[in-house]
Amino acid sequence: MTTPTHKVYILHSQKTHRFYTGCTDNPDRRLEFHNSGTTPSTKSGIP
């Protein structure tokens, strides 16, 4: 049985100067969600 690998990440918004932490099994996809504004908690800090 394969155990899923999750990554912990920290984002920093240059716009709001705030940090956001999270975890995911697909960092590239998660970053796309954050940068597209579909994540409510980081929507105000999108590039």
PDB file of N, CA and C in Angstrom:
ATOM      1  N   MET A   1       0.845  -1.170   0.000  1.00  0.00           N
ATOM      2  CA  MET A   1       0.000   0.000   0.000  1.00  0.00           C
ATOM      3  C   MET A   1       0.900   1.246   0.000  1.00  0.00           C
ATOM      4  N   THR A   2       0.554   2.217  -0.830  1.00  0.00           N
ATOM      5  CA  THR A   2       1.302   3.459  -0.909  1.00  0.00           C
ATOM      6  C   THR A   2       0.650   4.509  -0.024  1.00  0.00           C
ATOM      7  N   THR A   3       1.456   5.138   0.795  1.00  0.00           N
ATOM      8  CA  THR A   3       0.974   6.196   1.672  1.00  0.00           C
ATOM      9  C   THR A   3       1.114   7.532   0.953  1.00  0.00           C
ATOM     10  N   PRO A   4       0.041   8.321   0.874  1.00  0.00           N
ATOM     11  CA  PRO A   4       0.145   9.632   0.219  1.00  0.00           C
ATOM     12  C   PRO A   4       1.160  10.523   0.948  1.00  0.00           C
ATOM     13  N   THR A   5       1.893  11.283   0.165  1.00  0.00           N
ATOM     14  CA  THR A   5       2.870  12.203   0.731  1.00  0.00           C
ATOM     15  C   THR A   5       2.300  13.606   0.702  1.00  0.00           C
ATOM     16  N   HIS A   6       2.222  14.235   1.830  1.00  0.00           N
ATOM     17  CA  HIS A   6       1.740  15.610   1.917  1.00  0.00           C
ATOM     18  C   HIS A   6       2.910  16.531   2.230  1.00  0.00           C
ATOM     19  N   LYS A   7       2.820  17.719   1.713  1.00  0.00           N
ATOM     20  CA  LYS A   7       3.851  18.730   1.921  1.00  0.00           C
ATOM     21  C   LYS A   7       3.250  19.876   2.746  1.00  0.00           C
ATOM     22  N   VAL A   8       4.047  20.425   3.628  1.00  0.00           N
ATOM     23  CA  VAL A   8       3.668  21.620   4.370  1.00  0.00           C
ATOM     24  C   VAL A   8       4.304  22.795   3.645  1.00  0.00           C
ATOM     25  N   TYR A   9       3.544  23.890   3.495  1.00  0.00           N
ATOM     26  CA  TYR A   9       4.079  25.035   2.777  1.00  0.00           C
ATOM     27  C   TYR A   9       3.744  26.328   3.512  1.00  0.00           C
ATOM     28  N   ILE A  10       4.527  27.349   3.214  1.00  0.00           N
ATOM     29  CA  ILE A  10       4.305  28.683   3.757  1.00  0.00           C
ATOM     30  C   ILE A  10       4.300  29.654   2.586  1.00  0.00           C
ATOM     31  N   LEU A  11       3.226  30.425   2.469  1.00  0.00           N
ATOM     32  CA  LEU A  11       3.135  31.451   1.435  1.00  0.00           C
ATOM     33  C   LEU A  11       3.312  32.813   2.083  1.00  0.00           C
ATOM     34  N   HIS A  12       3.926  33.714   1.354  1.00  0.00           N
ATOM     35  CA  HIS A  12       4.053  35.097   1.831  1.00  0.00           C
ATOM     36  C   HIS A  12       3.483  36.000   0.760  1.00  0.00           C
ATOM     37  N   SER A  13       2.551  36.859   1.142  1.00  0.00           N
ATOM     38  CA  SER A  13       1.961  37.805   0.211  1.00  0.00           C
ATOM     39  C   SER A  13       2.751  39.106   0.250  1.00  0.00           C
ATOM     40  N   GLN A  14       3.303  39.486  -0.897  1.00  0.00           N
ATOM     41  CA  GLN A  14       4.007  40.763  -0.973  1.00  0.00           C
ATOM     42  C   GLN A  14       3.012  41.919  -0.956  1.00  0.00           C
ATOM     43  N   LYS A  15       1.762  41.619  -1.279  1.00  0.00           N
ATOM     44  CA  LYS A  15       0.719  42.645  -1.288  1.00  0.00           C
ATOM     45  C   LYS A  15       0.259  42.997   0.129  1.00  0.00           C
ATOM     46  N   THR A  16      -0.009  41.986   0.953  1.00  0.00           N
ATOM     47  CA  THR A  16      -0.523  42.222   2.308  1.00  0.00           C
ATOM     48  C   THR A  16       0.540  42.051   3.389  1.00  0.00           C
ATOM     49  N   HIS A  17       1.702  41.511   3.025  1.00  0.00           N
ATOM     50  CA  HIS A  17       2.809  41.243   3.955  1.00  0.00           C
ATOM     51  C   HIS A  17       2.398  40.239   5.035  1.00  0.00           C
ATOM     52  N   ARG A  18       1.533  39.306   4.670  1.00  0.00           N
ATOM     53  CA  ARG A  18       1.079  38.283   5.605  1.00  0.00           C
ATOM     54  C   ARG A  18       1.580  36.917   5.151  1.00  0.00           C
ATOM     55  N   PHE A  19       1.664  35.990   6.106  1.00  0.00           N
ATOM     56  CA  PHE A  19       2.047  34.617   5.831  1.00  0.00           C
ATOM     57  C   PHE A  19       0.824  33.726   5.930  1.00  0.00           C
ATOM     58  N   TYR A  20       0.819  32.652   5.159  1.00  0.00           N
ATOM     59  CA  TYR A  20      -0.248  31.656   5.193  1.00  0.00           C
ATOM     60  C   TYR A  20       0.418  30.296   5.148  1.00  0.00           C
ATOM     61  N   THR A  21       0.012  29.391   6.019  1.00  0.00           N
ATOM     62  CA  THR A  21       0.561  28.037   6.011  1.00  0.00           C
ATOM     63  C   THR A  21      -0.528  27.042   5.637  1.00  0.00           C
ATOM     64  N   GLY A  22      -0.098  25.924   5.093  1.00  0.00           N
ATOM     65  CA  GLY A  22      -1.042  24.887   4.726  1.00  0.00           C
ATOM     66  C   GLY A  22      -0.317  23.594   4.412  1.00  0.00           C
ATOM     67  N   CYS A  23      -1.068  22.579   4.020  1.00  0.00           N
ATOM     68  CA  CYS A  23      -0.471  21.326   3.583  1.00  0.00           C
ATOM     69  C   CYS A  23      -1.280  20.784   2.410  1.00  0.00           C
ATOM     70  N   THR A  24      -0.610  20.052   1.539  1.00  0.00           N
ATOM     71  CA  THR A  24      -1.244  19.531   0.342  1.00  0.00           C
ATOM     72  C   THR A  24      -0.451  18.347  -0.198  1.00  0.00           C
ATOM     73  N   ASP A  25      -1.093  17.550  -1.019  1.00  0.00           N
ATOM     74  CA  ASP A  25      -0.380  16.468  -1.697  1.00  0.00           C
ATOM     75  C   ASP A  25       0.042  16.897  -3.103  1.00  0.00           C
ATOM     76  N   ASN A  26      -0.366  18.112  -3.521  1.00  0.00           N
ATOM     77  CA  ASN A  26      -0.013  18.617  -4.846  1.00  0.00           C
ATOM     78  C   ASN A  26       0.288  20.120  -4.745  1.00  0.00           C
ATOM     79  N   PRO A  27       1.528  20.479  -4.404  1.00  0.00           N
ATOM     80  CA  PRO A  27       1.874  21.887  -4.190  1.00  0.00           C
ATOM     81  C   PRO A  27       1.642  22.781  -5.415  1.00  0.00           C
ATOM     82  N   ASP A  28       1.939  22.289  -6.595  1.00  0.00           N
ATOM     83  CA  ASP A  28       1.755  23.108  -7.800  1.00  0.00           C
ATOM     84  C   ASP A  28       0.284  23.473  -8.012  1.00  0.00           C
ATOM     85  N   ARG A  29      -0.591  22.492  -7.857  1.00  0.00           N
ATOM     86  CA  ARG A  29      -2.022  22.746  -8.015  1.00  0.00           C
ATOM     87  C   ARG A  29      -2.536  23.695  -6.929  1.00  0.00           C
ATOM     88  N   ARG A  30      -2.074  23.499  -5.713  1.00  0.00           N
ATOM     89  CA  ARG A  30      -2.514  24.344  -4.592  1.00  0.00           C
ATOM     90  C   ARG A  30      -2.078  25.796  -4.794  1.00  0.00           C
ATOM     91  N   LEU A  31      -0.864  25.999  -5.290  1.00  0.00           N
ATOM     92  CA  LEU A  31      -0.386  27.351  -5.554  1.00  0.00           C
ATOM     93  C   LEU A  31      -1.236  28.024  -6.629  1.00  0.00           C
ATOM     94  N   GLU A  32      -1.645  27.266  -7.640  1.00  0.00           N
ATOM     95  CA  GLU A  32      -2.538  27.812  -8.670  1.00  0.00           C
ATOM     96  C   GLU A  32      -3.848  28.284  -8.049  1.00  0.00           C
ATOM     97  N   PHE A  33      -4.410  27.489  -7.126  1.00  0.00           N
ATOM     98  CA  PHE A  33      -5.648  27.881  -6.445  1.00  0.00           C
ATOM     99  C   PHE A  33      -5.456  29.173  -5.669  1.00  0.00           C
ATOM    100  N   HIS A  34      -4.362  29.260  -4.926  1.00  0.00           N
ATOM    101  CA  HIS A  34      -4.087  30.472  -4.146  1.00  0.00           C
ATOM    102  C   HIS A  34      -3.947  31.689  -5.060  1.00  0.00           C
ATOM    103  N   ASN A  35      -3.182  31.550  -6.127  1.00  0.00           N
ATOM    104  CA  ASN A  35      -2.915  32.677  -7.024  1.00  0.00           C
ATOM    105  C   ASN A  35      -4.120  33.072  -7.872  1.00  0.00           C
ATOM    106  N   SER A  36      -5.075  32.173  -8.042  1.00  0.00           N
ATOM    107  CA  SER A  36      -6.255  32.483  -8.856  1.00  0.00           C
ATOM    108  C   SER A  36      -7.347  33.191  -8.061  1.00  0.00           C
ATOM    109  N   GLY A  37      -7.208  33.223  -6.726  1.00  0.00           N
ATOM    110  CA  GLY A  37      -8.206  33.895  -5.894  1.00  0.00           C
ATOM    111  C   GLY A  37      -9.367  33.012  -5.493  1.00  0.00           C
ATOM    112  N   THR A  38      -9.275  31.704  -5.720  1.00  0.00           N
ATOM    113  CA  THR A  38     -10.369  30.798  -5.352  1.00  0.00           C
ATOM    114  C   THR A  38     -10.293  30.336  -3.897  1.00  0.00           C
ATOM    115  N   THR A  39      -9.199  30.654  -3.224  1.00  0.00           N
ATOM    116  CA  THR A  39      -9.059  30.309  -1.814  1.00  0.00           C
ATOM    117  C   THR A  39      -9.432  31.532  -0.980  1.00  0.00           C
ATOM    118  N   PRO A  40     -10.566  31.496  -0.280  1.00  0.00           N
ATOM    119  CA  PRO A  40     -11.041  32.679   0.462  1.00  0.00           C
ATOM    120  C   PRO A  40     -10.016  33.268   1.425  1.00  0.00           C
ATOM    121  N   SER A  41      -9.262  32.423   2.112  1.00  0.00           N
ATOM    122  CA  SER A  41      -8.338  32.928   3.131  1.00  0.00           C
ATOM    123  C   SER A  41      -7.133  33.657   2.542  1.00  0.00           C
ATOM    124  N   THR A  42      -6.825  33.464   1.271  1.00  0.00           N
ATOM    125  CA  THR A  42      -5.684  34.155   0.666  1.00  0.00           C
ATOM    126  C   THR A  42      -6.085  35.017  -0.523  1.00  0.00           C
ATOM    127  N   LYS A  43      -7.382  35.173  -0.738  1.00  0.00           N
ATOM    128  CA  LYS A  43      -7.872  35.931  -1.894  1.00  0.00           C
ATOM    129  C   LYS A  43      -7.379  37.377  -1.894  1.00  0.00           C
ATOM    130  N   SER A  44      -7.308  37.997  -0.733  1.00  0.00           N
ATOM    131  CA  SER A  44      -6.908  39.412  -0.668  1.00  0.00           C
ATOM    132  C   SER A  44      -5.429  39.598  -0.973  1.00  0.00           C
ATOM    133  N   GLY A  45      -4.638  38.528  -0.972  1.00  0.00           N
ATOM    134  CA  GLY A  45      -3.209  38.667  -1.195  1.00  0.00           C
ATOM    135  C   GLY A  45      -2.713  38.170  -2.524  1.00  0.00           C
ATOM    136  N   ILE A  46      -3.656  37.935  -3.458  1.00  0.00           N
ATOM    137  CA  ILE A  46      -3.217  37.400  -4.759  1.00  0.00           C
ATOM    138  C   ILE A  46      -2.339  38.386  -5.501  1.00  0.00           C
ATOM    139  N   PRO A  47      -1.407  37.865  -6.290  1.00  0.00           N
ATOM    140  CA  PRO A  47      -0.499  38.751  -7.031  1.00  0.00           C
ATOM    141  C   PRO A  47      -1.216  39.598  -8.071  1.00  0.00           C
TER     142      PRO A  47
END
